[in-house]
Amino acid sequence: MFSTVEMAKLLLAGPRQNLDGVLRLCGNLESIHISDYSSETEGMKVGTPHPDANEISTTLSKTRSCIASLNPV
């Protein structure tokens, strides 16, 4: 059975060269919901998307779909 837990907001900032590794680590934790910001938040502006963002997103969606069909919850 599912249970609920209180959520907390986490703001990460760092150099772009570490972004891929940080996002991979966050995804591996499987307990972090990542959402995009659409405007300036707490004095920090949103950067530009990663050049491969669309391709990575498509691949991730297909991979998750395959995993879901192989291991139904």
PDB file of N, CA and C in Angstrom:
ATOM      1  N   MET A   1       0.836  -1.173   0.000  1.00  0.00           N
ATOM      2  CA  MET A   1       0.000   0.000   0.000  1.00  0.00           C
ATOM      3  C   MET A   1       0.883   1.239   0.000  1.00  0.00           C
ATOM      4  N   PHE A   2       0.447   2.253  -0.698  1.00  0.00           N
ATOM      5  CA  PHE A   2       1.200   3.500  -0.754  1.00  0.00           C
ATOM      6  C   PHE A   2       0.964   4.328   0.497  1.00  0.00           C
ATOM      7  N   SER A   3       1.974   5.053   0.905  1.00  0.00           N
ATOM      8  CA  SER A   3       1.822   5.995   2.006  1.00  0.00           C
ATOM      9  C   SER A   3       2.336   7.351   1.549  1.00  0.00           C
ATOM     10  N   THR A   4       1.852   8.386   2.182  1.00  0.00           N
ATOM     11  CA  THR A   4       2.263   9.733   1.798  1.00  0.00           C
ATOM     12  C   THR A   4       3.318  10.247   2.763  1.00  0.00           C
ATOM     13  N   VAL A   5       4.158  11.111   2.264  1.00  0.00           N
ATOM     14  CA  VAL A   5       5.164  11.766   3.088  1.00  0.00           C
ATOM     15  C   VAL A   5       5.176  13.244   2.742  1.00  0.00           C
ATOM     16  N   GLU A   6       5.584  14.048   3.679  1.00  0.00           N
ATOM     17  CA  GLU A   6       5.652  15.479   3.444  1.00  0.00           C
ATOM     18  C   GLU A   6       6.761  15.781   2.440  1.00  0.00           C
ATOM     19  N   MET A   7       6.465  16.677   1.509  1.00  0.00           N
ATOM     20  CA  MET A   7       7.452  17.059   0.501  1.00  0.00           C
ATOM     21  C   MET A   7       8.196  18.305   0.957  1.00  0.00           C
ATOM     22  N   ALA A   8       9.402  18.450   0.483  1.00  0.00           N
ATOM     23  CA  ALA A   8      10.213  19.635   0.747  1.00  0.00           C
ATOM     24  C   ALA A   8      10.736  20.154  -0.577  1.00  0.00           C
ATOM     25  N   LYS A   9      10.953  21.442  -0.650  1.00  0.00           N
ATOM     26  CA  LYS A   9      11.474  22.046  -1.873  1.00  0.00           C
ATOM     27  C   LYS A   9      12.995  22.091  -1.790  1.00  0.00           C
ATOM     28  N   LEU A  10      13.632  21.696  -2.868  1.00  0.00           N
ATOM     29  CA  LEU A  10      15.086  21.670  -2.941  1.00  0.00           C
ATOM     30  C   LEU A  10      15.512  22.457  -4.168  1.00  0.00           C
ATOM     31  N   LEU A  11      16.386  23.404  -3.993  1.00  0.00           N
ATOM     32  CA  LEU A  11      16.908  24.197  -5.103  1.00  0.00           C
ATOM     33  C   LEU A  11      18.390  23.889  -5.246  1.00  0.00           C
ATOM     34  N   LEU A  12      18.773  23.377  -6.413  1.00  0.00           N
ATOM     35  CA  LEU A  12      20.170  23.047  -6.672  1.00  0.00           C
ATOM     36  C   LEU A  12      20.759  24.045  -7.650  1.00  0.00           C
ATOM     37  N   ALA A  13      21.967  24.444  -7.412  1.00  0.00           N
ATOM     38  CA  ALA A  13      22.680  25.329  -8.327  1.00  0.00           C
ATOM     39  C   ALA A  13      24.122  24.858  -8.417  1.00  0.00           C
ATOM     40  N   GLY A  14      24.682  24.969  -9.601  1.00  0.00           N
ATOM     41  CA  GLY A  14      26.055  24.534  -9.773  1.00  0.00           C
ATOM     42  C   GLY A  14      26.498  24.723 -11.202  1.00  0.00           C
ATOM     43  N   PRO A  15      27.730  24.355 -11.498  1.00  0.00           N
ATOM     44  CA  PRO A  15      28.250  24.527 -12.855  1.00  0.00           C
ATOM     45  C   PRO A  15      27.581  23.571 -13.843  1.00  0.00           C
ATOM     46  N   ARG A  16      27.393  24.038 -15.068  1.00  0.00           N
ATOM     47  CA  ARG A  16      26.716  23.264 -16.107  1.00  0.00           C
ATOM     48  C   ARG A  16      27.433  21.940 -16.385  1.00  0.00           C
ATOM     49  N   GLN A  17      28.754  21.908 -16.276  1.00  0.00           N
ATOM     50  CA  GLN A  17      29.475  20.669 -16.592  1.00  0.00           C
ATOM     51  C   GLN A  17      29.128  19.539 -15.624  1.00  0.00           C
ATOM     52  N   ASN A  18      28.549  19.846 -14.472  1.00  0.00           N
ATOM     53  CA  ASN A  18      28.144  18.818 -13.513  1.00  0.00           C
ATOM     54  C   ASN A  18      26.666  18.451 -13.626  1.00  0.00           C
ATOM     55  N   LEU A  19      25.925  19.135 -14.488  1.00  0.00           N
ATOM     56  CA  LEU A  19      24.477  18.962 -14.567  1.00  0.00           C
ATOM     57  C   LEU A  19      24.069  17.528 -14.892  1.00  0.00           C
ATOM     58  N   ASP A  20      24.677  16.922 -15.890  1.00  0.00           N
ATOM     59  CA  ASP A  20      24.299  15.563 -16.287  1.00  0.00           C
ATOM     60  C   ASP A  20      24.466  14.574 -15.135  1.00  0.00           C
ATOM     61  N   GLY A  21      25.589  14.648 -14.454  1.00  0.00           N
ATOM     62  CA  GLY A  21      25.843  13.737 -13.340  1.00  0.00           C
ATOM     63  C   GLY A  21      24.879  13.945 -12.183  1.00  0.00           C
ATOM     64  N   VAL A  22      24.575  15.192 -11.882  1.00  0.00           N
ATOM     65  CA  VAL A  22      23.650  15.501 -10.788  1.00  0.00           C
ATOM     66  C   VAL A  22      22.249  14.998 -11.122  1.00  0.00           C
ATOM     67  N   LEU A  23      21.780  15.249 -12.350  1.00  0.00           N
ATOM     68  CA  LEU A  23      20.450  14.784 -12.747  1.00  0.00           C
ATOM     69  C   LEU A  23      20.379  13.259 -12.764  1.00  0.00           C
ATOM     70  N   ARG A  24      21.443  12.612 -13.190  1.00  0.00           N
ATOM     71  CA  ARG A  24      21.485  11.143 -13.195  1.00  0.00           C
ATOM     72  C   ARG A  24      21.385  10.616 -11.758  1.00  0.00           C
ATOM     73  N   LEU A  25      22.132  11.230 -10.851  1.00  0.00           N
ATOM     74  CA  LEU A  25      22.100  10.819  -9.451  1.00  0.00           C
ATOM     75  C   LEU A  25      20.710  11.025  -8.854  1.00  0.00           C
ATOM     76  N   CYS A  26      20.102  12.162  -9.128  1.00  0.00           N
ATOM     77  CA  CYS A  26      18.752  12.444  -8.622  1.00  0.00           C
ATOM     78  C   CYS A  26      17.754  11.421  -9.155  1.00  0.00           C
ATOM     79  N   GLY A  27      17.866  11.077 -10.416  1.00  0.00           N
ATOM     80  CA  GLY A  27      16.982  10.074 -10.999  1.00  0.00           C
ATOM     81  C   GLY A  27      17.174   8.709 -10.379  1.00  0.00           C
ATOM     82  N   ASN A  28      18.408   8.352 -10.080  1.00  0.00           N
ATOM     83  CA  ASN A  28      18.699   7.054  -9.466  1.00  0.00           C
ATOM     84  C   ASN A  28      18.122   6.935  -8.057  1.00  0.00           C
ATOM     85  N   LEU A  29      17.940   8.053  -7.379  1.00  0.00           N
ATOM     86  CA  LEU A  29      17.363   8.026  -6.035  1.00  0.00           C
ATOM     87  C   LEU A  29      15.892   7.628  -6.062  1.00  0.00           C
ATOM     88  N   GLU A  30      15.227   7.852  -7.189  1.00  0.00           N
ATOM     89  CA  GLU A  30      13.818   7.514  -7.394  1.00  0.00           C
ATOM     90  C   GLU A  30      12.900   8.079  -6.323  1.00  0.00           C
ATOM     91  N   SER A  31      13.282   9.165  -5.697  1.00  0.00           N
ATOM     92  CA  SER A  31      12.426   9.779  -4.686  1.00  0.00           C
ATOM     93  C   SER A  31      12.397  11.296  -4.838  1.00  0.00           C
ATOM     94  N   ILE A  32      12.862  11.767  -5.977  1.00  0.00           N
ATOM     95  CA  ILE A  32      12.907  13.205  -6.230  1.00  0.00           C
ATOM     96  C   ILE A  32      12.089  13.511  -7.467  1.00  0.00           C
ATOM     97  N   HIS A  33      11.173  14.462  -7.340  1.00  0.00           N
ATOM     98  CA  HIS A  33      10.378  14.914  -8.479  1.00  0.00           C
ATOM     99  C   HIS A  33      11.015  16.201  -8.998  1.00  0.00           C
ATOM    100  N   ILE A  34      11.485  16.182 -10.225  1.00  0.00           N
ATOM    101  CA  ILE A  34      12.145  17.343 -10.816  1.00  0.00           C
ATOM    102  C   ILE A  34      11.137  18.096 -11.662  1.00  0.00           C
ATOM    103  N   SER A  35      10.996  19.395 -11.400  1.00  0.00           N
ATOM    104  CA  SER A  35      10.084  20.208 -12.205  1.00  0.00           C
ATOM    105  C   SER A  35      10.833  21.424 -12.735  1.00  0.00           C
ATOM    106  N   ASP A  36      10.421  21.869 -13.906  1.00  0.00           N
ATOM    107  CA  ASP A  36      11.047  23.019 -14.547  1.00  0.00           C
ATOM    108  C   ASP A  36      10.504  24.315 -13.961  1.00  0.00           C
ATOM    109  N   TYR A  37      11.345  25.313 -13.912  1.00  0.00           N
ATOM    110  CA  TYR A  37      10.916  26.646 -13.522  1.00  0.00           C
ATOM    111  C   TYR A  37      10.639  27.441 -14.781  1.00  0.00           C
ATOM    112  N   SER A  38       9.604  28.250 -14.743  1.00  0.00           N
ATOM    113  CA  SER A  38       9.264  29.027 -15.930  1.00  0.00           C
ATOM    114  C   SER A  38       9.632  30.498 -15.793  1.00  0.00           C
ATOM    115  N   SER A  39      10.064  30.905 -14.631  1.00  0.00           N
ATOM    116  CA  SER A  39      10.448  32.306 -14.439  1.00  0.00           C
ATOM    117  C   SER A  39      11.532  32.391 -13.372  1.00  0.00           C
ATOM    118  N   GLU A  40      11.926  33.602 -13.069  1.00  0.00           N
ATOM    119  CA  GLU A  40      12.960  33.792 -12.056  1.00  0.00           C
ATOM    120  C   GLU A  40      12.458  33.309 -10.700  1.00  0.00           C
ATOM    121  N   THR A  41      13.251  32.540 -10.008  1.00  0.00           N
ATOM    122  CA  THR A  41      12.879  31.988  -8.713  1.00  0.00           C
ATOM    123  C   THR A  41      13.941  32.352  -7.691  1.00  0.00           C
ATOM    124  N   GLU A  42      13.525  33.031  -6.654  1.00  0.00           N
ATOM    125  CA  GLU A  42      14.418  33.395  -5.559  1.00  0.00           C
ATOM    126  C   GLU A  42      15.723  34.008  -6.052  1.00  0.00           C
ATOM    127  N   GLY A  43      15.621  34.906  -7.042  1.00  0.00           N
ATOM    128  CA  GLY A  43      16.795  35.604  -7.538  1.00  0.00           C
ATOM    129  C   GLY A  43      17.635  34.823  -8.521  1.00  0.00           C
ATOM    130  N   MET A  44      17.188  33.643  -8.933  1.00  0.00           N
ATOM    131  CA  MET A  44      17.941  32.827  -9.881  1.00  0.00           C
ATOM    132  C   MET A  44      17.123  32.651 -11.148  1.00  0.00           C
ATOM    133  N   LYS A  45      17.737  32.913 -12.277  1.00  0.00           N
ATOM    134  CA  LYS A  45      17.046  32.751 -13.546  1.00  0.00           C
ATOM    135  C   LYS A  45      17.294  31.354 -14.103  1.00  0.00           C
ATOM    136  N   VAL A  46      16.333  30.894 -14.880  1.00  0.00           N
ATOM    137  CA  VAL A  46      16.446  29.594 -15.522  1.00  0.00           C
ATOM    138  C   VAL A  46      17.471  29.689 -16.639  1.00  0.00           C
ATOM    139  N   GLY A  47      18.333  28.706 -16.732  1.00  0.00           N
ATOM    140  CA  GLY A  47      19.336  28.674 -17.792  1.00  0.00           C
ATOM    141  C   GLY A  47      18.757  28.147 -19.095  1.00  0.00           C
ATOM    142  N   THR A  48      19.601  27.973 -20.069  1.00  0.00           N
ATOM    143  CA  THR A  48      19.159  27.431 -21.352  1.00  0.00           C
ATOM    144  C   THR A  48      19.154  25.904 -21.279  1.00  0.00           C
ATOM    145  N   PRO A  49      18.265  25.261 -22.021  1.00  0.00           N
ATOM    146  CA  PRO A  49      18.198  23.800 -21.989  1.00  0.00           C
ATOM    147  C   PRO A  49      19.485  23.157 -22.503  1.00  0.00           C
ATOM    148  N   HIS A  50      19.752  21.971 -22.031  1.00  0.00           N
ATOM    149  CA  HIS A  50      20.883  21.180 -22.513  1.00  0.00           C
ATOM    150  C   HIS A  50      20.676  20.939 -24.005  1.00  0.00           C
ATOM    151  N   PRO A  51      21.716  21.011 -24.820  1.00  0.00           N
ATOM    152  CA  PRO A  51      21.558  20.844 -26.273  1.00  0.00           C
ATOM    153  C   PRO A  51      20.900  19.525 -26.684  1.00  0.00           C
ATOM    154  N   ASP A  52      21.088  18.479 -25.910  1.00  0.00           N
ATOM    155  CA  ASP A  52      20.522  17.171 -26.244  1.00  0.00           C
ATOM    156  C   ASP A  52      19.234  16.871 -25.474  1.00  0.00           C
ATOM    157  N   ALA A  53      18.610  17.885 -24.880  1.00  0.00           N
ATOM    158  CA  ALA A  53      17.459  17.668 -23.999  1.00  0.00           C
ATOM    159  C   ALA A  53      16.314  16.927 -24.679  1.00  0.00           C
ATOM    160  N   ASN A  54      15.943  17.308 -25.889  1.00  0.00           N
ATOM    161  CA  ASN A  54      14.816  16.651 -26.561  1.00  0.00           C
ATOM    162  C   ASN A  54      15.107  15.186 -26.848  1.00  0.00           C
ATOM    163  N   GLU A  55      16.295  14.909 -27.345  1.00  0.00           N
ATOM    164  CA  GLU A  55      16.667  13.524 -27.652  1.00  0.00           C
ATOM    165  C   GLU A  55      16.717  12.678 -26.379  1.00  0.00           C
ATOM    166  N   ILE A  56      17.280  13.234 -25.321  1.00  0.00           N
ATOM    167  CA  ILE A  56      17.374  12.513 -24.053  1.00  0.00           C
ATOM    168  C   ILE A  56      15.981  12.251 -23.488  1.00  0.00           C
ATOM    169  N   SER A  57      15.101  13.243 -23.558  1.00  0.00           N
ATOM    170  CA  SER A  57      13.736  13.092 -23.062  1.00  0.00           C
ATOM    171  C   SER A  57      12.986  12.002 -23.815  1.00  0.00           C
ATOM    172  N   THR A  58      13.127  11.985 -25.132  1.00  0.00           N
ATOM    173  CA  THR A  58      12.469  10.964 -25.949  1.00  0.00           C
ATOM    174  C   THR A  58      12.988   9.575 -25.603  1.00  0.00           C
ATOM    175  N   THR A  59      14.299   9.444 -25.497  1.00  0.00           N
ATOM    176  CA  THR A  59      14.905   8.154 -25.158  1.00  0.00           C
ATOM    177  C   THR A  59      14.464   7.695 -23.774  1.00  0.00           C
ATOM    178  N   LEU A  60      14.424   8.614 -22.821  1.00  0.00           N
ATOM    179  CA  LEU A  60      14.005   8.279 -21.464  1.00  0.00           C
ATOM    180  C   LEU A  60      12.552   7.813 -21.441  1.00  0.00           C
ATOM    181  N   SER A  61      11.684   8.493 -22.165  1.00  0.00           N
ATOM    182  CA  SER A  61      10.274   8.096 -22.218  1.00  0.00           C
ATOM    183  C   SER A  61      10.114   6.701 -22.804  1.00  0.00           C
ATOM    184  N   LYS A  62      10.826   6.421 -23.883  1.00  0.00           N
ATOM    185  CA  LYS A  62      10.752   5.098 -24.509  1.00  0.00           C
ATOM    186  C   LYS A  62      11.294   4.023 -23.566  1.00  0.00           C
ATOM    187  N   THR A  63      12.384   4.331 -22.878  1.00  0.00           N
ATOM    188  CA  THR A  63      12.986   3.377 -21.950  1.00  0.00           C
ATOM    189  C   THR A  63      12.039   3.074 -20.798  1.00  0.00           C
ATOM    190  N   ARG A  64      11.431   4.121 -20.236  1.00  0.00           N
ATOM    191  CA  ARG A  64      10.487   3.913 -19.132  1.00  0.00           C
ATOM    192  C   ARG A  64       9.279   3.098 -19.588  1.00  0.00           C
ATOM    193  N   SER A  65       8.828   3.339 -20.805  1.00  0.00           N
ATOM    194  CA  SER A  65       7.708   2.578 -21.349  1.00  0.00           C
ATOM    195  C   SER A  65       8.066   1.101 -21.476  1.00  0.00           C
ATOM    196  N   CYS A  66       9.254   0.821 -21.979  1.00  0.00           N
ATOM    197  CA  CYS A  66       9.713  -0.568 -22.110  1.00  0.00           C
ATOM    198  C   CYS A  66       9.824  -1.242 -20.747  1.00  0.00           C
ATOM    199  N   ILE A  67      10.385  -0.541 -19.786  1.00  0.00           N
ATOM    200  CA  ILE A  67      10.537  -1.098 -18.437  1.00  0.00           C
ATOM    201  C   ILE A  67       9.171  -1.389 -17.832  1.00  0.00           C
ATOM    202  N   ALA A  68       8.230  -0.470 -18.019  1.00  0.00           N
ATOM    203  CA  ALA A  68       6.886  -0.659 -17.469  1.00  0.00           C
ATOM    204  C   ALA A  68       6.203  -1.878 -18.080  1.00  0.00           C
ATOM    205  N   SER A  69       6.425  -2.118 -19.362  1.00  0.00           N
ATOM    206  CA  SER A  69       5.783  -3.271 -19.999  1.00  0.00           C
ATOM    207  C   SER A  69       6.447  -4.586 -19.586  1.00  0.00           C
ATOM    208  N   LEU A  70       7.715  -4.536 -19.220  1.00  0.00           N
ATOM    209  CA  LEU A  70       8.415  -5.742 -18.783  1.00  0.00           C
ATOM    210  C   LEU A  70       8.189  -6.055 -17.308  1.00  0.00           C
ATOM    211  N   ASN A  71       8.045  -5.015 -16.502  1.00  0.00           N
ATOM    212  CA  ASN A  71       7.875  -5.167 -15.056  1.00  0.00           C
ATOM    213  C   ASN A  71       6.631  -4.418 -14.593  1.00  0.00           C
ATOM    214  N   PRO A  72       5.443  -4.945 -14.852  1.00  0.00           N
ATOM    215  CA  PRO A  72       4.244  -4.218 -14.417  1.00  0.00           C
ATOM    216  C   PRO A  72       4.204  -4.098 -12.901  1.00  0.00           C
ATOM    217  N   VAL A  73       3.734  -2.959 -12.439  1.00  0.00           N
ATOM    218  CA  VAL A  73       3.688  -2.687 -10.998  1.00  0.00           C
ATOM    219  C   VAL A  73       2.465  -3.300 -10.385  1.00  0.00           C
TER     220      VAL A  73
END
